[in-house]
Amino acid sequence: MFDACHYRNKCIFFFAAIALVAPLSAADPITGLWKTFDDKTHQVRGVMRLYEQDGAVFGKIESSVDPKEAADVCDKCTGDRQNKPIIGLVILRQMKRTGENEYTGGDILDPDTGSVYKCKITVADGGKKLVVRGFVGFSLLGRSQNWIRKE
């Protein structure tokens, strides 16, 4: 025999469980604005915009604190990024989530040198910080930067 009350209670429990679990499975998103820092002075260098496109994460330079840099083009870049303005330049490409708080599989461009490196991003501090690592070959052979979420 069909018990409507029992069925309704099961439905309520099912949807409540989904509502509680969904935020837990959606690890810290990395899209949005991030402050970047100069490796030598440790001062804010600019702002990156990370966005999702076709199931991957990309990042472009949103702004720079140095007016000269903001007016520059990437003359050391190659390919489709050669001589493109620094502001708006996509330097992070094709990053895919590979773990709860990790993104890999893409690359990152250093616009100062025109060099492109493999990239790994780890979400830290509850989504307030990204550890962005550019490397050649293995992750051990590279350097990391901390990006802080812009409020």
C-alpha atoms as a PDB file:
ATOM      1  CA  MET A   1       0.000   0.000   0.000  1.00  0.00           C
ATOM      2  CA  PHE A   2       1.224   3.514  -0.842  1.00  0.00           C
ATOM      3  CA  ASP A   3       1.890   5.733   2.155  1.00  0.00           C
ATOM      4  CA  ALA A   4       2.029   9.356   0.960  1.00  0.00           C
ATOM      5  CA  CYS A   5       3.339  10.657   4.279  1.00  0.00           C
ATOM      6  CA  HIS A   6       6.199   8.142   4.312  1.00  0.00           C
ATOM      7  CA  TYR A   7       7.063   9.006   0.680  1.00  0.00           C
ATOM      8  CA  ARG A   8       6.997  12.757   1.429  1.00  0.00           C
ATOM      9  CA  ASN A   9       9.323  12.307   4.432  1.00  0.00           C
ATOM     10  CA  LYS A  10      11.803  10.343   2.297  1.00  0.00           C
ATOM     11  CA  CYS A  11      11.769  13.108  -0.318  1.00  0.00           C
ATOM     12  CA  ILE A  12      12.334  15.790   2.305  1.00  0.00           C
ATOM     13  CA  PHE A  13      15.242  13.810   3.781  1.00  0.00           C
ATOM     14  CA  PHE A  14      16.769  13.235   0.335  1.00  0.00           C
ATOM     15  CA  PHE A  15      16.673  16.908  -0.683  1.00  0.00           C
ATOM     16  CA  ALA A  16      17.895  18.054   2.736  1.00  0.00           C
ATOM     17  CA  ALA A  17      20.856  15.676   2.467  1.00  0.00           C
ATOM     18  CA  ILE A  18      21.721  17.038  -0.979  1.00  0.00           C
ATOM     19  CA  ALA A  19      21.480  20.618   0.299  1.00  0.00           C
ATOM     20  CA  LEU A  20      23.913  19.828   3.107  1.00  0.00           C
ATOM     21  CA  VAL A  21      26.415  17.838   1.028  1.00  0.00           C
ATOM     22  CA  ALA A  22      26.513  20.080  -2.064  1.00  0.00           C
ATOM     23  CA  PRO A  23      28.491  22.919  -0.401  1.00  0.00           C
ATOM     24  CA  LEU A  24      30.975  20.413   1.011  1.00  0.00           C
ATOM     25  CA  SER A  25      31.706  18.855  -2.373  1.00  0.00           C
ATOM     26  CA  ALA A  26      32.143  22.198  -4.127  1.00  0.00           C
ATOM     27  CA  ALA A  27      35.637  22.906  -2.806  1.00  0.00           C
ATOM     28  CA  ASP A  28      36.880  26.484  -2.655  1.00  0.00           C
ATOM     29  CA  PRO A  29      36.274  28.066  -6.055  1.00  0.00           C
ATOM     30  CA  ILE A  30      39.196  29.917  -7.577  1.00  0.00           C
ATOM     31  CA  THR A  31      37.273  32.175  -9.910  1.00  0.00           C
ATOM     32  CA  GLY A  32      37.283  35.859  -9.104  1.00  0.00           C
ATOM     33  CA  LEU A  33      39.862  38.569  -8.446  1.00  0.00           C
ATOM     34  CA  TRP A  34      43.282  37.832  -6.894  1.00  0.00           C
ATOM     35  CA  LYS A  35      46.060  40.191  -5.784  1.00  0.00           C
ATOM     36  CA  THR A  36      49.519  39.204  -7.016  1.00  0.00           C
ATOM     37  CA  PHE A  37      52.806  40.189  -5.398  1.00  0.00           C
ATOM     38  CA  ASP A  38      56.278  41.095  -6.649  1.00  0.00           C
ATOM     39  CA  ASP A  39      58.763  38.316  -5.850  1.00  0.00           C
ATOM     40  CA  LYS A  40      61.474  40.751  -4.743  1.00  0.00           C
ATOM     41  CA  THR A  41      59.620  43.549  -2.944  1.00  0.00           C
ATOM     42  CA  HIS A  42      56.621  41.484  -1.780  1.00  0.00           C
ATOM     43  CA  GLN A  43      54.425  44.483  -2.603  1.00  0.00           C
ATOM     44  CA  VAL A  44      51.152  44.162  -4.507  1.00  0.00           C
ATOM     45  CA  ARG A  45      51.947  44.051  -8.212  1.00  0.00           C
ATOM     46  CA  GLY A  46      48.496  43.779  -9.709  1.00  0.00           C
ATOM     47  CA  VAL A  47      45.210  41.938  -9.896  1.00  0.00           C
ATOM     48  CA  MET A  48      44.394  38.753 -11.797  1.00  0.00           C
ATOM     49  CA  ARG A  49      40.902  37.708 -12.878  1.00  0.00           C
ATOM     50  CA  LEU A  50      40.396  33.938 -12.858  1.00  0.00           C
ATOM     51  CA  TYR A  51      37.404  32.709 -14.817  1.00  0.00           C
ATOM     52  CA  GLU A  52      35.952  29.452 -16.052  1.00  0.00           C
ATOM     53  CA  GLN A  53      35.611  28.742 -19.760  1.00  0.00           C
ATOM     54  CA  ASP A  54      34.694  25.423 -21.386  1.00  0.00           C
ATOM     55  CA  GLY A  55      35.263  23.517 -18.134  1.00  0.00           C
ATOM     56  CA  ALA A  56      38.762  24.926 -17.503  1.00  0.00           C
ATOM     57  CA  VAL A  57      40.096  27.889 -15.519  1.00  0.00           C
ATOM     58  CA  PHE A  58      41.904  30.761 -17.233  1.00  0.00           C
ATOM     59  CA  GLY A  59      43.437  33.907 -15.793  1.00  0.00           C
ATOM     60  CA  LYS A  60      44.069  37.338 -17.242  1.00  0.00           C
ATOM     61  CA  ILE A  61      45.787  40.408 -15.902  1.00  0.00           C
ATOM     62  CA  GLU A  62      43.060  42.757 -14.714  1.00  0.00           C
ATOM     63  CA  SER A  63      45.205  45.660 -13.492  1.00  0.00           C
ATOM     64  CA  SER A  64      48.707  46.696 -12.475  1.00  0.00           C
ATOM     65  CA  VAL A  65      49.870  49.099  -9.797  1.00  0.00           C
ATOM     66  CA  ASP A  66      52.691  50.277 -12.094  1.00  0.00           C
ATOM     67  CA  PRO A  67      51.308  52.738 -14.696  1.00  0.00           C
ATOM     68  CA  LYS A  68      54.233  51.963 -17.052  1.00  0.00           C
ATOM     69  CA  GLU A  69      53.524  48.242 -16.904  1.00  0.00           C
ATOM     70  CA  ALA A  70      49.832  48.923 -17.482  1.00  0.00           C
ATOM     71  CA  ALA A  71      50.706  50.625 -20.782  1.00  0.00           C
ATOM     72  CA  ASP A  72      53.201  47.939 -21.924  1.00  0.00           C
ATOM     73  CA  VAL A  73      52.762  45.127 -24.389  1.00  0.00           C
ATOM     74  CA  CYS A  74      54.194  41.620 -24.057  1.00  0.00           C
ATOM     75  CA  ASP A  75      57.054  41.997 -26.540  1.00  0.00           C
ATOM     76  CA  LYS A  76      58.818  38.874 -25.204  1.00  0.00           C
ATOM     77  CA  CYS A  77      55.743  36.685 -25.644  1.00  0.00           C
ATOM     78  CA  THR A  78      55.357  34.370 -28.612  1.00  0.00           C
ATOM     79  CA  GLY A  79      52.386  33.093 -30.575  1.00  0.00           C
ATOM     80  CA  ASP A  80      48.982  34.711 -30.189  1.00  0.00           C
ATOM     81  CA  ARG A  81      50.127  36.699 -27.128  1.00  0.00           C
ATOM     82  CA  GLN A  82      53.058  38.442 -28.829  1.00  0.00           C
ATOM     83  CA  ASN A  83      52.819  42.247 -28.607  1.00  0.00           C
ATOM     84  CA  LYS A  84      49.422  42.085 -26.858  1.00  0.00           C
ATOM     85  CA  PRO A  85      48.689  44.625 -24.103  1.00  0.00           C
ATOM     86  CA  ILE A  86      49.684  43.468 -20.605  1.00  0.00           C
ATOM     87  CA  ILE A  87      46.299  44.488 -19.205  1.00  0.00           C
ATOM     88  CA  GLY A  88      43.860  41.846 -20.392  1.00  0.00           C
ATOM     89  CA  LEU A  89      46.623  39.362 -21.281  1.00  0.00           C
ATOM     90  CA  VAL A  90      45.642  35.750 -20.564  1.00  0.00           C
ATOM     91  CA  ILE A  91      48.602  34.314 -18.668  1.00  0.00           C
ATOM     92  CA  LEU A  92      46.924  31.272 -17.092  1.00  0.00           C
ATOM     93  CA  ARG A  93      45.350  28.670 -19.394  1.00  0.00           C
ATOM     94  CA  GLN A  94      43.534  25.357 -19.280  1.00  0.00           C
ATOM     95  CA  MET A  95      43.709  24.661 -15.534  1.00  0.00           C
ATOM     96  CA  LYS A  96      41.461  21.775 -14.491  1.00  0.00           C
ATOM     97  CA  ARG A  97      40.413  20.659 -11.042  1.00  0.00           C
ATOM     98  CA  THR A  98      42.322  17.484 -10.170  1.00  0.00           C
ATOM     99  CA  GLY A  99      41.618  17.345  -6.456  1.00  0.00           C
ATOM    100  CA  GLU A 100      39.442  18.952  -3.844  1.00  0.00           C
ATOM    101  CA  ASN A 101      41.730  21.997  -3.625  1.00  0.00           C
ATOM    102  CA  GLU A 102      44.080  21.461  -6.570  1.00  0.00           C
ATOM    103  CA  TYR A 103      44.157  22.495 -10.214  1.00  0.00           C
ATOM    104  CA  THR A 104      46.717  21.271 -12.778  1.00  0.00           C
ATOM    105  CA  GLY A 105      47.084  20.462 -16.460  1.00  0.00           C
ATOM    106  CA  GLY A 106      47.472  23.990 -17.753  1.00  0.00           C
ATOM    107  CA  ASP A 107      50.239  26.516 -18.086  1.00  0.00           C
ATOM    108  CA  ILE A 108      51.247  29.963 -16.890  1.00  0.00           C
ATOM    109  CA  LEU A 109      53.085  32.698 -18.757  1.00  0.00           C
ATOM    110  CA  ASP A 110      55.669  34.979 -17.176  1.00  0.00           C
ATOM    111  CA  PRO A 111      55.092  38.185 -19.183  1.00  0.00           C
ATOM    112  CA  ASP A 112      58.419  39.621 -17.974  1.00  0.00           C
ATOM    113  CA  THR A 113      60.377  36.896 -19.815  1.00  0.00           C
ATOM    114  CA  GLY A 114      57.853  35.435 -22.264  1.00  0.00           C
ATOM    115  CA  SER A 115      58.477  31.981 -20.768  1.00  0.00           C
ATOM    116  CA  VAL A 116      55.606  29.520 -20.391  1.00  0.00           C
ATOM    117  CA  TYR A 117      55.628  26.980 -17.564  1.00  0.00           C
ATOM    118  CA  LYS A 118      53.459  24.091 -16.465  1.00  0.00           C
ATOM    119  CA  CYS A 119      51.281  25.149 -13.565  1.00  0.00           C
ATOM    120  CA  LYS A 120      49.769  23.799 -10.371  1.00  0.00           C
ATOM    121  CA  ILE A 121      47.378  25.778  -8.159  1.00  0.00           C
ATOM    122  CA  THR A 122      46.511  24.839  -4.597  1.00  0.00           C
ATOM    123  CA  VAL A 123      43.630  26.557  -2.806  1.00  0.00           C
ATOM    124  CA  ALA A 124      44.586  27.445   0.795  1.00  0.00           C
ATOM    125  CA  ASP A 125      43.179  29.242   3.831  1.00  0.00           C
ATOM    126  CA  GLY A 126      39.579  28.365   3.068  1.00  0.00           C
ATOM    127  CA  GLY A 127      39.675  29.941  -0.390  1.00  0.00           C
ATOM    128  CA  LYS A 128      41.407  33.167   0.662  1.00  0.00           C
ATOM    129  CA  LYS A 129      44.794  32.248  -0.828  1.00  0.00           C
ATOM    130  CA  LEU A 130      46.125  30.458  -3.898  1.00  0.00           C
ATOM    131  CA  VAL A 131      49.566  28.893  -4.057  1.00  0.00           C
ATOM    132  CA  VAL A 132      50.442  29.187  -7.749  1.00  0.00           C
ATOM    133  CA  ARG A 133      53.436  27.105  -8.827  1.00  0.00           C
ATOM    134  CA  GLY A 134      55.088  27.411 -12.225  1.00  0.00           C
ATOM    135  CA  PHE A 135      57.559  24.682 -13.129  1.00  0.00           C
ATOM    136  CA  VAL A 136      59.536  22.923 -15.840  1.00  0.00           C
ATOM    137  CA  GLY A 137      59.185  19.158 -15.986  1.00  0.00           C
ATOM    138  CA  PHE A 138      58.451  18.270 -12.373  1.00  0.00           C
ATOM    139  CA  SER A 139      56.770  20.425  -9.743  1.00  0.00           C
ATOM    140  CA  LEU A 140      59.976  20.321  -7.672  1.00  0.00           C
ATOM    141  CA  LEU A 141      61.757  22.388 -10.342  1.00  0.00           C
ATOM    142  CA  GLY A 142      59.938  25.686 -10.136  1.00  0.00           C
ATOM    143  CA  ARG A 143      58.791  28.535  -7.964  1.00  0.00           C
ATOM    144  CA  SER A 144      55.596  29.416  -6.137  1.00  0.00           C
ATOM    145  CA  GLN A 145      53.715  32.641  -5.559  1.00  0.00           C
ATOM    146  CA  ASN A 146      50.912  33.320  -3.121  1.00  0.00           C
ATOM    147  CA  TRP A 147      47.891  35.147  -4.500  1.00  0.00           C
ATOM    148  CA  ILE A 148      45.392  36.649  -2.065  1.00  0.00           C
ATOM    149  CA  ARG A 149      41.688  36.953  -2.834  1.00  0.00           C
ATOM    150  CA  LYS A 150      40.765  40.579  -3.473  1.00  0.00           C
ATOM    151  CA  GLU A 151      37.939  41.667  -1.174  1.00  0.00           C
END
